[in-house]
Every structure is written in C-alpha cells, then in structure tokens.
Amino acid sequence: QVQPVESGGGLVQAGGSLRLSCTTPESIFSLDAMGWSRQTPGNQREWVATITNDGSTRYADSVKGRFTISRDNAKNLIYLQMINLSAQDAGVYYCYRIKGGDMYWGQGTQVTVSS
C-alpha cells in the first residue's frame, strides 16, 4: 500500500476554513515530497502546494497567503490548512507522494463551499 489517504473534506461556508489531512504508510523522511492538487468543476487538475523532504514549501499563486501546507513527522501526515475559502476553491483535493521519481495519488476528498 503506497497510496496516500486523504481526509478532512466537507462543506464549509464561503470565508470559512477547513483542514485536510493526508497520511502515508511510510516515513515522510523517506519521500522526496508530498503535496496537494485539486480538480475544480470544469477545470483540469491543478497543483496547489508541495512540501519537500527538507521541509521547504511552495504554493500556487491562487492559494498563496490562504493555504498552508505542513507536516507531522511522527504521524507521517501532511496537512493543508485552508482559510478564507471561496467557491473557486471547491472541488476534489488529491494528495500525492513522490519517491524516486514515482508519484502516487490518493483517492481525493471533496471540498464544498456554500455561499
């Protein structure tokens, strides 16, 4: 089992916050990077954020300043804290892990934003 598993999606009001979690079956330190992408209605999947093995983080411009990616090394978890959510953020959020050039995706978790 190398597929990461997401959780934490749900329904939130516009302007609200939500935290997604993603667990991996192996030590985070054994991976090159983990991160999040999303697929919003009518759009292709887009990259959201990445956290690398050394803890460096990067964000898409569309979420910079509102989303924060972090990790819990002891639990082999990463998080995506999202604030000030809007309808444009609604969609399915996918966690991924990268190791040695191989990329594995989770099944996704749905984020719904109500106006």
C-alpha atoms as a PDB file:
ATOM      1  CA  GLN A   1       0.000   0.000   0.000  1.00  0.00           C
ATOM      2  CA  VAL A   2       1.763   3.102  -1.215  1.00  0.00           C
ATOM      3  CA  GLN A   3      -1.249   5.234  -1.942  1.00  0.00           C
ATOM      4  CA  PRO A   4      -1.701   8.195   0.384  1.00  0.00           C
ATOM      5  CA  VAL A   5      -5.082   8.601   2.054  1.00  0.00           C
ATOM      6  CA  GLU A   6      -6.823  11.945   2.391  1.00  0.00           C
ATOM      7  CA  SER A   7      -9.379  13.050   4.952  1.00  0.00           C
ATOM      8  CA  GLY A   8     -10.965  16.217   6.234  1.00  0.00           C
ATOM      9  CA  GLY A   9     -13.041  17.357   3.301  1.00  0.00           C
ATOM     10  CA  GLY A  10     -16.547  18.605   3.773  1.00  0.00           C
ATOM     11  CA  LEU A  11     -18.931  21.504   3.494  1.00  0.00           C
ATOM     12  CA  VAL A  12     -17.855  24.962   4.566  1.00  0.00           C
ATOM     13  CA  GLN A  13     -19.327  28.411   4.143  1.00  0.00           C
ATOM     14  CA  ALA A  14     -17.593  30.956   1.965  1.00  0.00           C
ATOM     15  CA  GLY A  15     -14.991  32.736   4.029  1.00  0.00           C
ATOM     16  CA  GLY A  16     -14.616  29.733   6.289  1.00  0.00           C
ATOM     17  CA  SER A  17     -11.750  27.387   6.987  1.00  0.00           C
ATOM     18  CA  LEU A  18     -11.025  23.716   6.561  1.00  0.00           C
ATOM     19  CA  ARG A  19      -8.055  21.475   7.242  1.00  0.00           C
ATOM     20  CA  LEU A  20      -7.273  18.486   5.091  1.00  0.00           C
ATOM     21  CA  SER A  21      -5.044  15.636   6.189  1.00  0.00           C
ATOM     22  CA  CYS A  22      -3.116  13.062   4.230  1.00  0.00           C
ATOM     23  CA  THR A  23      -1.376  10.054   5.636  1.00  0.00           C
ATOM     24  CA  THR A  24       1.288   7.951   4.016  1.00  0.00           C
ATOM     25  CA  PRO A  25       2.217   4.406   5.007  1.00  0.00           C
ATOM     26  CA  GLU A  26       5.906   5.154   5.272  1.00  0.00           C
ATOM     27  CA  SER A  27       8.156   7.696   6.882  1.00  0.00           C
ATOM     28  CA  ILE A  28       7.806  11.145   5.424  1.00  0.00           C
ATOM     29  CA  PHE A  29      11.584  11.423   5.512  1.00  0.00           C
ATOM     30  CA  SER A  30      11.844   8.561   3.019  1.00  0.00           C
ATOM     31  CA  LEU A  31       9.890  10.550   0.460  1.00  0.00           C
ATOM     32  CA  ASP A  32      11.108  13.264  -1.876  1.00  0.00           C
ATOM     33  CA  ALA A  33       7.985  15.345  -1.444  1.00  0.00           C
ATOM     34  CA  MET A  34       4.288  15.329  -0.715  1.00  0.00           C
ATOM     35  CA  GLY A  35       1.620  17.754  -1.699  1.00  0.00           C
ATOM     36  CA  TRP A  36      -1.841  18.602  -2.867  1.00  0.00           C
ATOM     37  CA  SER A  37      -3.594  19.155  -6.137  1.00  0.00           C
ATOM     38  CA  ARG A  38      -7.232  19.834  -6.809  1.00  0.00           C
ATOM     39  CA  GLN A  39      -9.776  19.445  -9.531  1.00  0.00           C
ATOM     40  CA  THR A  40     -12.438  22.101  -9.591  1.00  0.00           C
ATOM     41  CA  PRO A  41     -15.610  21.743 -11.681  1.00  0.00           C
ATOM     42  CA  GLY A  42     -14.975  22.259 -15.374  1.00  0.00           C
ATOM     43  CA  ASN A  43     -11.222  22.524 -14.932  1.00  0.00           C
ATOM     44  CA  GLN A  44      -8.228  20.290 -15.176  1.00  0.00           C
ATOM     45  CA  ARG A  45      -6.438  19.140 -12.088  1.00  0.00           C
ATOM     46  CA  GLU A  46      -4.186  21.894 -10.811  1.00  0.00           C
ATOM     47  CA  TRP A  47      -1.305  21.830  -8.432  1.00  0.00           C
ATOM     48  CA  VAL A  48      -1.908  23.539  -5.081  1.00  0.00           C
ATOM     49  CA  ALA A  49       1.039  23.063  -2.736  1.00  0.00           C
ATOM     50  CA  THR A  50       4.124  20.967  -2.075  1.00  0.00           C
ATOM     51  CA  ILE A  51       6.284  20.220   0.926  1.00  0.00           C
ATOM     52  CA  THR A  52       9.650  18.676   0.206  1.00  0.00           C
ATOM     53  CA  ASN A  53      11.800  16.316   2.205  1.00  0.00           C
ATOM     54  CA  ASP A  54      13.722  19.190   3.789  1.00  0.00           C
ATOM     55  CA  GLY A  55      10.511  20.963   4.782  1.00  0.00           C
ATOM     56  CA  SER A  56      10.503  23.584   2.063  1.00  0.00           C
ATOM     57  CA  THR A  57       7.061  24.633   0.875  1.00  0.00           C
ATOM     58  CA  ARG A  58       5.693  26.046  -2.363  1.00  0.00           C
ATOM     59  CA  TYR A  59       2.237  27.256  -3.307  1.00  0.00           C
ATOM     60  CA  ALA A  60       0.215  28.034  -6.366  1.00  0.00           C
ATOM     61  CA  ASP A  61      -0.410  31.752  -6.738  1.00  0.00           C
ATOM     62  CA  SER A  62      -4.152  31.187  -6.408  1.00  0.00           C
ATOM     63  CA  VAL A  63      -3.808  29.927  -2.833  1.00  0.00           C
ATOM     64  CA  LYS A  64      -0.741  31.771  -1.591  1.00  0.00           C
ATOM     65  CA  GLY A  65      -1.470  33.538   1.664  1.00  0.00           C
ATOM     66  CA  ARG A  66      -4.618  31.484   2.307  1.00  0.00           C
ATOM     67  CA  PHE A  67      -3.414  27.885   2.312  1.00  0.00           C
ATOM     68  CA  THR A  68      -0.668  26.421   4.452  1.00  0.00           C
ATOM     69  CA  ILE A  69       0.917  23.035   3.945  1.00  0.00           C
ATOM     70  CA  SER A  70       2.609  21.426   6.913  1.00  0.00           C
ATOM     71  CA  ARG A  71       3.567  18.015   8.199  1.00  0.00           C
ATOM     72  CA  ASP A  72       3.617  15.911  11.323  1.00  0.00           C
ATOM     73  CA  ASN A  73       6.730  13.792  11.028  1.00  0.00           C
ATOM     74  CA  ALA A  74       5.833  11.475  13.885  1.00  0.00           C
ATOM     75  CA  LYS A  75       2.452  10.611  12.367  1.00  0.00           C
ATOM     76  CA  ASN A  76       3.552  10.557   8.718  1.00  0.00           C
ATOM     77  CA  LEU A  77       0.890  13.108   7.971  1.00  0.00           C
ATOM     78  CA  ILE A  78       0.697  16.257   5.964  1.00  0.00           C
ATOM     79  CA  TYR A  79      -1.953  18.915   6.317  1.00  0.00           C
ATOM     80  CA  LEU A  80      -3.452  21.574   4.151  1.00  0.00           C
ATOM     81  CA  GLN A  81      -4.903  24.371   6.221  1.00  0.00           C
ATOM     82  CA  MET A  82      -7.253  26.458   4.116  1.00  0.00           C
ATOM     83  CA  ILE A  83      -8.723  29.782   5.160  1.00  0.00           C
ATOM     84  CA  ASN A  84     -10.949  32.367   3.505  1.00  0.00           C
ATOM     85  CA  LEU A  85     -12.400  29.760   1.191  1.00  0.00           C
ATOM     86  CA  SER A  86     -14.428  30.770  -1.832  1.00  0.00           C
ATOM     87  CA  ALA A  87     -16.500  28.976  -4.432  1.00  0.00           C
ATOM     88  CA  GLN A  88     -13.416  28.855  -6.656  1.00  0.00           C
ATOM     89  CA  ASP A  89     -11.756  26.582  -4.096  1.00  0.00           C
ATOM     90  CA  ALA A  90     -14.499  23.947  -4.231  1.00  0.00           C
ATOM     91  CA  GLY A  91     -13.559  20.636  -5.767  1.00  0.00           C
ATOM     92  CA  VAL A  92     -11.816  17.369  -5.121  1.00  0.00           C
ATOM     93  CA  TYR A  93      -8.471  17.659  -3.378  1.00  0.00           C
ATOM     94  CA  TYR A  94      -5.895  14.991  -4.060  1.00  0.00           C
ATOM     95  CA  CYS A  95      -2.838  14.222  -2.006  1.00  0.00           C
ATOM     96  CA  TYR A  96       0.274  12.900  -3.713  1.00  0.00           C
ATOM     97  CA  ARG A  97       3.602  11.495  -2.654  1.00  0.00           C
ATOM     98  CA  ILE A  98       6.797  11.384  -4.676  1.00  0.00           C
ATOM     99  CA  LYS A  99       9.642   8.961  -4.148  1.00  0.00           C
ATOM    100  CA  GLY A 100      12.454   8.228  -6.543  1.00  0.00           C
ATOM    101  CA  GLY A 101      10.571   9.680  -9.467  1.00  0.00           C
ATOM    102  CA  ASP A 102       7.408   7.704  -8.767  1.00  0.00           C
ATOM    103  CA  MET A 103       4.252   9.580  -7.968  1.00  0.00           C
ATOM    104  CA  TYR A 104       1.237   8.133  -6.199  1.00  0.00           C
ATOM    105  CA  TRP A 105      -2.127   9.766  -5.756  1.00  0.00           C
ATOM    106  CA  GLY A 106      -4.790   9.404  -3.153  1.00  0.00           C
ATOM    107  CA  GLN A 107      -8.463   8.917  -3.943  1.00  0.00           C
ATOM    108  CA  GLY A 108      -9.326  12.514  -3.183  1.00  0.00           C
ATOM    109  CA  THR A 109     -11.508  14.309  -0.689  1.00  0.00           C
ATOM    110  CA  GLN A 110     -14.375  16.607  -1.611  1.00  0.00           C
ATOM    111  CA  VAL A 111     -14.426  20.244  -0.534  1.00  0.00           C
ATOM    112  CA  THR A 112     -17.719  22.054  -0.983  1.00  0.00           C
ATOM    113  CA  VAL A 113     -18.041  25.788  -0.386  1.00  0.00           C
ATOM    114  CA  SER A 114     -21.502  27.253   0.126  1.00  0.00           C
ATOM    115  CA  SER A 115     -22.335  30.891  -0.452  1.00  0.00           C
END
